[in-house]
Amino acid sequence: MTAAPGELAEIWPPFALRVTCGDLELHQVRDEDIPHVVALARAGIHDPSTMPFFFPWTDAPADRLGPNTAAYYWQTRAAFGPESWTLDLAVRVAGELVGIQGVSTRNYLVTRTGETGSWLVRSRQGRGIGTRMRQAVCALLFDHLDAAEVTSGAFTDNPASLAVSRKVGYVENGTTRLQRRPGELAHNRKLLLTPDRFVRGEPIRVEGVAPLRRFIGLDV
């Protein structure tokens, strides 16, 4: 007799991860989340005259935004391994999907550093949610994934993102000149957070971190 299949999280450990902090919950984006993520992006993340993202993915034509978004999440899963990984976490408040909090890294077993990035639907901005979700992912990295530092970045004309970073304890770590949209120069403020400077929020509760640690090579 063939054994009954187990849960998907048993064969893909990132799906087992769940971080909760009060009414805030973060878990890796699953296929069933993708249509809701696309709906949020279509509802609006930023003023169309501005661009807060290094890669201007929200500029995609309406008929390409959905396929592009799905392909991105599938590609990051396919490339997920100890040498390089991106963990994109769906953020829910009281059960409602409101945005994405991500962290990406290369050679983590050596560097112990990851780069955070996030977005929040415009209707939920300005309520402290962005700060809370950043605090939650930084606590996950420092307390449960052995990070030595966390980096981030924001364009200098994105004061909201820079304000969140300051609240969490990041310090400025230089400025780089980048092309943002085709032919457009923008200045990107690099940011650095270490455990001693981390401004914590509410305590987090973490489930499913042990299989994730093994999956990325922290525990063998």
C-alpha atoms as a PDB file:
ATOM      1  CA  MET A   1       0.000   0.000   0.000  1.00  0.00           C
ATOM      2  CA  THR A   2       1.330   3.442  -0.902  1.00  0.00           C
ATOM      3  CA  ALA A   3       1.879   5.718   2.094  1.00  0.00           C
ATOM      4  CA  ALA A   4      -0.392   8.747   2.317  1.00  0.00           C
ATOM      5  CA  PRO A   5       1.355  11.973   1.327  1.00  0.00           C
ATOM      6  CA  GLY A   6       2.287  14.393   4.081  1.00  0.00           C
ATOM      7  CA  GLU A   7       1.794  18.120   4.261  1.00  0.00           C
ATOM      8  CA  LEU A   8       3.547  20.306   1.682  1.00  0.00           C
ATOM      9  CA  ALA A   9       5.500  21.963   4.518  1.00  0.00           C
ATOM     10  CA  GLU A  10       7.127  18.610   5.243  1.00  0.00           C
ATOM     11  CA  ILE A  11       8.847  18.627   1.849  1.00  0.00           C
ATOM     12  CA  TRP A  12       9.270  22.419   1.561  1.00  0.00           C
ATOM     13  CA  PRO A  13      10.345  23.634   5.037  1.00  0.00           C
ATOM     14  CA  PRO A  14       9.954  27.401   4.382  1.00  0.00           C
ATOM     15  CA  PHE A  15       6.204  26.783   4.226  1.00  0.00           C
ATOM     16  CA  ALA A  16       6.292  25.607   7.847  1.00  0.00           C
ATOM     17  CA  LEU A  17       7.570  28.952   9.102  1.00  0.00           C
ATOM     18  CA  ARG A  18       5.073  31.179  10.862  1.00  0.00           C
ATOM     19  CA  VAL A  19       5.902  34.343  12.791  1.00  0.00           C
ATOM     20  CA  THR A  20       3.227  35.996  14.912  1.00  0.00           C
ATOM     21  CA  CYS A  21       3.292  39.215  16.896  1.00  0.00           C
ATOM     22  CA  GLY A  22      -0.034  40.248  18.359  1.00  0.00           C
ATOM     23  CA  ASP A  23      -2.462  40.461  15.436  1.00  0.00           C
ATOM     24  CA  LEU A  24       0.425  40.460  12.943  1.00  0.00           C
ATOM     25  CA  GLU A  25       1.307  37.211  11.164  1.00  0.00           C
ATOM     26  CA  LEU A  26       4.017  36.447   8.597  1.00  0.00           C
ATOM     27  CA  HIS A  27       4.411  33.264   6.547  1.00  0.00           C
ATOM     28  CA  GLN A  28       6.023  32.403   3.230  1.00  0.00           C
ATOM     29  CA  VAL A  29       3.940  33.305   0.201  1.00  0.00           C
ATOM     30  CA  ARG A  30       2.073  30.250  -1.085  1.00  0.00           C
ATOM     31  CA  ASP A  31       0.415  29.838  -4.465  1.00  0.00           C
ATOM     32  CA  GLU A  32      -3.003  30.594  -3.000  1.00  0.00           C
ATOM     33  CA  ASP A  33      -1.666  33.932  -1.738  1.00  0.00           C
ATOM     34  CA  ILE A  34      -0.440  35.098  -5.140  1.00  0.00           C
ATOM     35  CA  PRO A  35      -3.811  36.301  -6.552  1.00  0.00           C
ATOM     36  CA  HIS A  36      -4.343  38.341  -3.377  1.00  0.00           C
ATOM     37  CA  VAL A  37      -0.828  39.806  -3.617  1.00  0.00           C
ATOM     38  CA  VAL A  38      -1.537  40.840  -7.210  1.00  0.00           C
ATOM     39  CA  ALA A  39      -4.855  42.393  -6.161  1.00  0.00           C
ATOM     40  CA  LEU A  40      -3.059  44.482  -3.532  1.00  0.00           C
ATOM     41  CA  ALA A  41      -0.473  45.627  -6.078  1.00  0.00           C
ATOM     42  CA  ARG A  42      -3.246  46.635  -8.472  1.00  0.00           C
ATOM     43  CA  ALA A  43      -5.011  48.489  -5.648  1.00  0.00           C
ATOM     44  CA  GLY A  44      -1.898  50.619  -5.212  1.00  0.00           C
ATOM     45  CA  ILE A  45       1.346  50.457  -3.261  1.00  0.00           C
ATOM     46  CA  HIS A  46       2.736  53.881  -4.137  1.00  0.00           C
ATOM     47  CA  ASP A  47       1.969  57.038  -6.092  1.00  0.00           C
ATOM     48  CA  PRO A  48       2.524  56.115  -9.777  1.00  0.00           C
ATOM     49  CA  SER A  49       4.672  59.245 -10.197  1.00  0.00           C
ATOM     50  CA  THR A  50       7.204  57.810  -7.721  1.00  0.00           C
ATOM     51  CA  MET A  51       9.126  54.524  -7.617  1.00  0.00           C
ATOM     52  CA  PRO A  52      10.313  53.131  -4.265  1.00  0.00           C
ATOM     53  CA  PHE A  53      11.607  49.814  -5.640  1.00  0.00           C
ATOM     54  CA  PHE A  54      15.089  49.065  -6.995  1.00  0.00           C
ATOM     55  CA  PHE A  55      13.437  46.999  -9.740  1.00  0.00           C
ATOM     56  CA  PRO A  56      10.345  48.922 -10.944  1.00  0.00           C
ATOM     57  CA  TRP A  57       8.069  45.891 -11.020  1.00  0.00           C
ATOM     58  CA  THR A  58       4.886  47.881 -10.394  1.00  0.00           C
ATOM     59  CA  ASP A  59       5.400  49.662 -13.740  1.00  0.00           C
ATOM     60  CA  ALA A  60       4.460  46.453 -15.558  1.00  0.00           C
ATOM     61  CA  PRO A  61       1.360  46.687 -17.809  1.00  0.00           C
ATOM     62  CA  ALA A  62      -1.793  45.505 -16.088  1.00  0.00           C
ATOM     63  CA  ASP A  63      -1.924  42.316 -18.174  1.00  0.00           C
ATOM     64  CA  ARG A  64       1.659  41.407 -17.185  1.00  0.00           C
ATOM     65  CA  LEU A  65       1.602  42.258 -13.473  1.00  0.00           C
ATOM     66  CA  GLY A  66      -0.065  38.979 -12.507  1.00  0.00           C
ATOM     67  CA  PRO A  67       2.130  36.631 -14.565  1.00  0.00           C
ATOM     68  CA  ASN A  68       5.279  38.539 -13.584  1.00  0.00           C
ATOM     69  CA  THR A  69       4.402  38.322  -9.892  1.00  0.00           C
ATOM     70  CA  ALA A  70       3.650  34.601 -10.027  1.00  0.00           C
ATOM     71  CA  ALA A  71       6.860  33.935 -11.967  1.00  0.00           C
ATOM     72  CA  TYR A  72       8.904  35.880  -9.418  1.00  0.00           C
ATOM     73  CA  TYR A  73       7.669  33.791  -6.485  1.00  0.00           C
ATOM     74  CA  TRP A  74       8.141  30.533  -8.383  1.00  0.00           C
ATOM     75  CA  GLN A  75      11.659  31.541  -9.423  1.00  0.00           C
ATOM     76  CA  THR A  76      12.722  32.464  -5.889  1.00  0.00           C
ATOM     77  CA  ARG A  77      11.475  29.112  -4.601  1.00  0.00           C
ATOM     78  CA  ALA A  78      13.316  27.228  -7.347  1.00  0.00           C
ATOM     79  CA  ALA A  79      16.562  29.035  -6.445  1.00  0.00           C
ATOM     80  CA  PHE A  80      16.163  28.592  -2.673  1.00  0.00           C
ATOM     81  CA  GLY A  81      19.095  26.803  -1.050  1.00  0.00           C
ATOM     82  CA  PRO A  82      21.943  27.258   1.448  1.00  0.00           C
ATOM     83  CA  GLU A  83      24.048  29.218  -1.053  1.00  0.00           C
ATOM     84  CA  SER A  84      21.359  31.774  -1.878  1.00  0.00           C
ATOM     85  CA  TRP A  85      17.835  32.298  -0.642  1.00  0.00           C
ATOM     86  CA  THR A  86      14.975  34.766  -0.588  1.00  0.00           C
ATOM     87  CA  LEU A  87      12.235  34.474   1.993  1.00  0.00           C
ATOM     88  CA  ASP A  88       9.166  36.487   1.000  1.00  0.00           C
ATOM     89  CA  LEU A  89       6.659  36.574   3.824  1.00  0.00           C
ATOM     90  CA  ALA A  90       3.008  37.436   3.354  1.00  0.00           C
ATOM     91  CA  VAL A  91       1.973  39.898   6.061  1.00  0.00           C
ATOM     92  CA  ARG A  92      -1.486  39.641   7.569  1.00  0.00           C
ATOM     93  CA  VAL A  93      -3.113  41.880  10.166  1.00  0.00           C
ATOM     94  CA  ALA A  94      -6.068  40.280  11.917  1.00  0.00           C
ATOM     95  CA  GLY A  95      -6.141  37.757   9.079  1.00  0.00           C
ATOM     96  CA  GLU A  96      -6.146  40.316   6.236  1.00  0.00           C
ATOM     97  CA  LEU A  97      -3.274  40.278   3.745  1.00  0.00           C
ATOM     98  CA  VAL A  98      -1.737  43.766   3.666  1.00  0.00           C
ATOM     99  CA  GLY A  99       1.759  43.416   2.190  1.00  0.00           C
ATOM    100  CA  ILE A 100       5.033  41.546   1.895  1.00  0.00           C
ATOM    101  CA  GLN A 101       8.113  41.474   4.118  1.00  0.00           C
ATOM    102  CA  GLY A 102      11.148  39.865   2.532  1.00  0.00           C
ATOM    103  CA  VAL A 103      14.765  39.061   3.248  1.00  0.00           C
ATOM    104  CA  SER A 104      17.350  37.842   0.763  1.00  0.00           C
ATOM    105  CA  THR A 105      20.941  36.681   1.139  1.00  0.00           C
ATOM    106  CA  ARG A 106      23.866  34.954  -0.520  1.00  0.00           C
ATOM    107  CA  ASN A 107      26.499  32.832   1.249  1.00  0.00           C
ATOM    108  CA  TYR A 108      24.608  33.236   4.511  1.00  0.00           C
ATOM    109  CA  LEU A 109      26.534  30.496   6.305  1.00  0.00           C
ATOM    110  CA  VAL A 110      29.637  32.683   5.940  1.00  0.00           C
ATOM    111  CA  THR A 111      28.287  36.237   5.972  1.00  0.00           C
ATOM    112  CA  ARG A 112      25.376  35.888   8.434  1.00  0.00           C
ATOM    113  CA  THR A 113      23.777  38.939   6.813  1.00  0.00           C
ATOM    114  CA  GLY A 114      20.571  39.458   4.885  1.00  0.00           C
ATOM    115  CA  GLU A 115      18.911  42.360   3.089  1.00  0.00           C
ATOM    116  CA  THR A 116      15.363  43.268   4.085  1.00  0.00           C
ATOM    117  CA  GLY A 117      12.772  44.717   1.740  1.00  0.00           C
ATOM    118  CA  SER A 118       9.049  45.207   2.072  1.00  0.00           C
ATOM    119  CA  TRP A 119       5.907  46.847   0.796  1.00  0.00           C
ATOM    120  CA  LEU A 120       2.516  47.654   2.233  1.00  0.00           C
ATOM    121  CA  VAL A 121      -0.734  48.455   0.436  1.00  0.00           C
ATOM    122  CA  ARG A 122      -1.350  52.229   0.506  1.00  0.00           C
ATOM    123  CA  SER A 123      -4.613  51.940   2.436  1.00  0.00           C
ATOM    124  CA  ARG A 124      -2.662  50.493   5.383  1.00  0.00           C
ATOM    125  CA  GLN A 125       0.326  52.830   5.339  1.00  0.00           C
ATOM    126  CA  GLY A 126       0.945  55.323   8.136  1.00  0.00           C
ATOM    127  CA  ARG A 127      -0.409  53.056  10.890  1.00  0.00           C
ATOM    128  CA  GLY A 128       2.838  51.577  12.225  1.00  0.00           C
ATOM    129  CA  ILE A 129       2.411  48.261  10.420  1.00  0.00           C
ATOM    130  CA  GLY A 130       5.572  48.722   8.360  1.00  0.00           C
ATOM    131  CA  THR A 131       7.620  49.187  11.524  1.00  0.00           C
ATOM    132  CA  ARG A 132       6.070  46.159  13.210  1.00  0.00           C
ATOM    133  CA  MET A 133       6.673  43.809  10.278  1.00  0.00           C
ATOM    134  CA  ARG A 134      10.301  44.966   9.974  1.00  0.00           C
ATOM    135  CA  GLN A 135      10.832  44.433  13.700  1.00  0.00           C
ATOM    136  CA  ALA A 136       9.325  40.973  13.409  1.00  0.00           C
ATOM    137  CA  VAL A 137      11.578  39.838  10.556  1.00  0.00           C
ATOM    138  CA  CYS A 138      14.683  41.314  12.230  1.00  0.00           C
ATOM    139  CA  ALA A 139      13.843  39.470  15.452  1.00  0.00           C
ATOM    140  CA  LEU A 140      13.474  36.286  13.406  1.00  0.00           C
ATOM    141  CA  LEU A 141      16.891  36.831  11.825  1.00  0.00           C
ATOM    142  CA  PHE A 142      18.779  37.783  14.979  1.00  0.00           C
ATOM    143  CA  ASP A 143      17.114  35.465  17.480  1.00  0.00           C
ATOM    144  CA  HIS A 144      16.331  32.391  15.407  1.00  0.00           C
ATOM    145  CA  LEU A 145      18.554  32.409  12.301  1.00  0.00           C
ATOM    146  CA  ASP A 146      21.875  33.541  13.840  1.00  0.00           C
ATOM    147  CA  ALA A 147      22.223  36.780  11.857  1.00  0.00           C
ATOM    148  CA  ALA A 148      25.145  39.046  12.755  1.00  0.00           C
ATOM    149  CA  GLU A 149      23.726  42.052  10.911  1.00  0.00           C
ATOM    150  CA  VAL A 150      20.818  43.036   8.689  1.00  0.00           C
ATOM    151  CA  THR A 151      21.001  45.509   5.820  1.00  0.00           C
ATOM    152  CA  SER A 152      18.415  47.473   3.911  1.00  0.00           C
ATOM    153  CA  GLY A 153      18.192  50.418   1.568  1.00  0.00           C
ATOM    154  CA  ALA A 154      15.817  53.103   0.395  1.00  0.00           C
ATOM    155  CA  PHE A 155      15.897  55.893  -2.128  1.00  0.00           C
ATOM    156  CA  THR A 156      16.461  59.284  -0.569  1.00  0.00           C
ATOM    157  CA  ASP A 157      13.057  60.464  -1.813  1.00  0.00           C
ATOM    158  CA  ASN A 158      11.310  57.679   0.140  1.00  0.00           C
ATOM    159  CA  PRO A 159      11.093  59.237   3.624  1.00  0.00           C
ATOM    160  CA  ALA A 160       8.530  56.740   4.908  1.00  0.00           C
ATOM    161  CA  SER A 161      10.853  53.766   4.390  1.00  0.00           C
ATOM    162  CA  LEU A 162      13.812  55.656   5.830  1.00  0.00           C
ATOM    163  CA  ALA A 163      11.722  56.562   8.882  1.00  0.00           C
ATOM    164  CA  VAL A 164      10.848  52.912   9.502  1.00  0.00           C
ATOM    165  CA  SER A 165      14.530  51.996   9.329  1.00  0.00           C
ATOM    166  CA  ARG A 166      15.437  54.691  11.861  1.00  0.00           C
ATOM    167  CA  LYS A 167      12.702  53.521  14.245  1.00  0.00           C
ATOM    168  CA  VAL A 168      14.029  49.956  14.107  1.00  0.00           C
ATOM    169  CA  GLY A 169      17.620  51.087  14.737  1.00  0.00           C
ATOM    170  CA  TYR A 170      19.323  50.960  11.342  1.00  0.00           C
ATOM    171  CA  VAL A 171      22.145  53.443  10.776  1.00  0.00           C
ATOM    172  CA  GLU A 172      23.218  54.988   7.484  1.00  0.00           C
ATOM    173  CA  ASN A 173      25.926  53.082   5.665  1.00  0.00           C
ATOM    174  CA  GLY A 174      26.667  55.132   2.554  1.00  0.00           C
ATOM    175  CA  THR A 175      24.818  56.260  -0.548  1.00  0.00           C
ATOM    176  CA  THR A 176      24.953  54.827  -4.055  1.00  0.00           C
ATOM    177  CA  ARG A 177      23.875  56.236  -7.418  1.00  0.00           C
ATOM    178  CA  LEU A 178      21.511  53.932  -9.283  1.00  0.00           C
ATOM    179  CA  GLN A 179      19.315  53.906 -12.347  1.00  0.00           C
ATOM    180  CA  ARG A 180      15.766  53.545 -11.099  1.00  0.00           C
ATOM    181  CA  ARG A 181      13.439  53.802 -14.072  1.00  0.00           C
ATOM    182  CA  PRO A 182      15.092  53.772 -17.533  1.00  0.00           C
ATOM    183  CA  GLY A 183      17.291  56.854 -17.816  1.00  0.00           C
ATOM    184  CA  GLU A 184      16.453  58.067 -14.280  1.00  0.00           C
ATOM    185  CA  LEU A 185      19.188  58.647 -11.708  1.00  0.00           C
ATOM    186  CA  ALA A 186      18.302  58.020  -8.057  1.00  0.00           C
ATOM    187  CA  HIS A 187      20.325  58.029  -4.847  1.00  0.00           C
ATOM    188  CA  ASN A 188      19.972  54.976  -2.663  1.00  0.00           C
ATOM    189  CA  ARG A 189      20.675  55.243   1.054  1.00  0.00           C
ATOM    190  CA  LYS A 190      22.263  52.058   2.374  1.00  0.00           C
ATOM    191  CA  LEU A 191      21.353  51.020   5.930  1.00  0.00           C
ATOM    192  CA  LEU A 192      22.824  48.671   8.522  1.00  0.00           C
ATOM    193  CA  LEU A 193      21.355  47.100  11.664  1.00  0.00           C
ATOM    194  CA  THR A 194      23.279  45.183  14.336  1.00  0.00           C
ATOM    195  CA  PRO A 195      21.810  43.356  17.334  1.00  0.00           C
ATOM    196  CA  ASP A 196      23.015  45.979  19.814  1.00  0.00           C
ATOM    197  CA  ARG A 197      21.139  48.744  17.961  1.00  0.00           C
ATOM    198  CA  PHE A 198      17.972  46.768  17.250  1.00  0.00           C
ATOM    199  CA  VAL A 199      14.861  48.512  18.629  1.00  0.00           C
ATOM    200  CA  ARG A 200      12.502  45.670  19.369  1.00  0.00           C
ATOM    201  CA  GLY A 201       8.740  45.735  19.184  1.00  0.00           C
ATOM    202  CA  GLU A 202       6.309  43.236  20.654  1.00  0.00           C
ATOM    203  CA  PRO A 203       7.711  39.751  21.362  1.00  0.00           C
ATOM    204  CA  ILE A 204       7.343  37.362  18.453  1.00  0.00           C
ATOM    205  CA  ARG A 205       6.306  33.718  18.462  1.00  0.00           C
ATOM    206  CA  VAL A 206       7.940  31.518  15.839  1.00  0.00           C
ATOM    207  CA  GLU A 207       6.783  28.126  14.568  1.00  0.00           C
ATOM    208  CA  GLY A 208       8.563  25.877  12.095  1.00  0.00           C
ATOM    209  CA  VAL A 209      12.010  27.428  12.421  1.00  0.00           C
ATOM    210  CA  ALA A 210      13.881  24.161  13.123  1.00  0.00           C
ATOM    211  CA  PRO A 211      13.231  22.610   9.677  1.00  0.00           C
ATOM    212  CA  LEU A 212      14.057  25.947   8.038  1.00  0.00           C
ATOM    213  CA  ARG A 213      17.386  26.104   9.858  1.00  0.00           C
ATOM    214  CA  ARG A 214      18.259  22.624   8.580  1.00  0.00           C
ATOM    215  CA  PHE A 215      17.106  23.538   5.073  1.00  0.00           C
ATOM    216  CA  ILE A 216      19.473  26.510   4.839  1.00  0.00           C
ATOM    217  CA  GLY A 217      22.363  24.608   6.407  1.00  0.00           C
ATOM    218  CA  LEU A 218      22.484  26.149   9.879  1.00  0.00           C
ATOM    219  CA  ASP A 219      21.871  22.803  11.596  1.00  0.00           C
ATOM    220  CA  VAL A 220      23.144  19.610  10.035  1.00  0.00           C
END
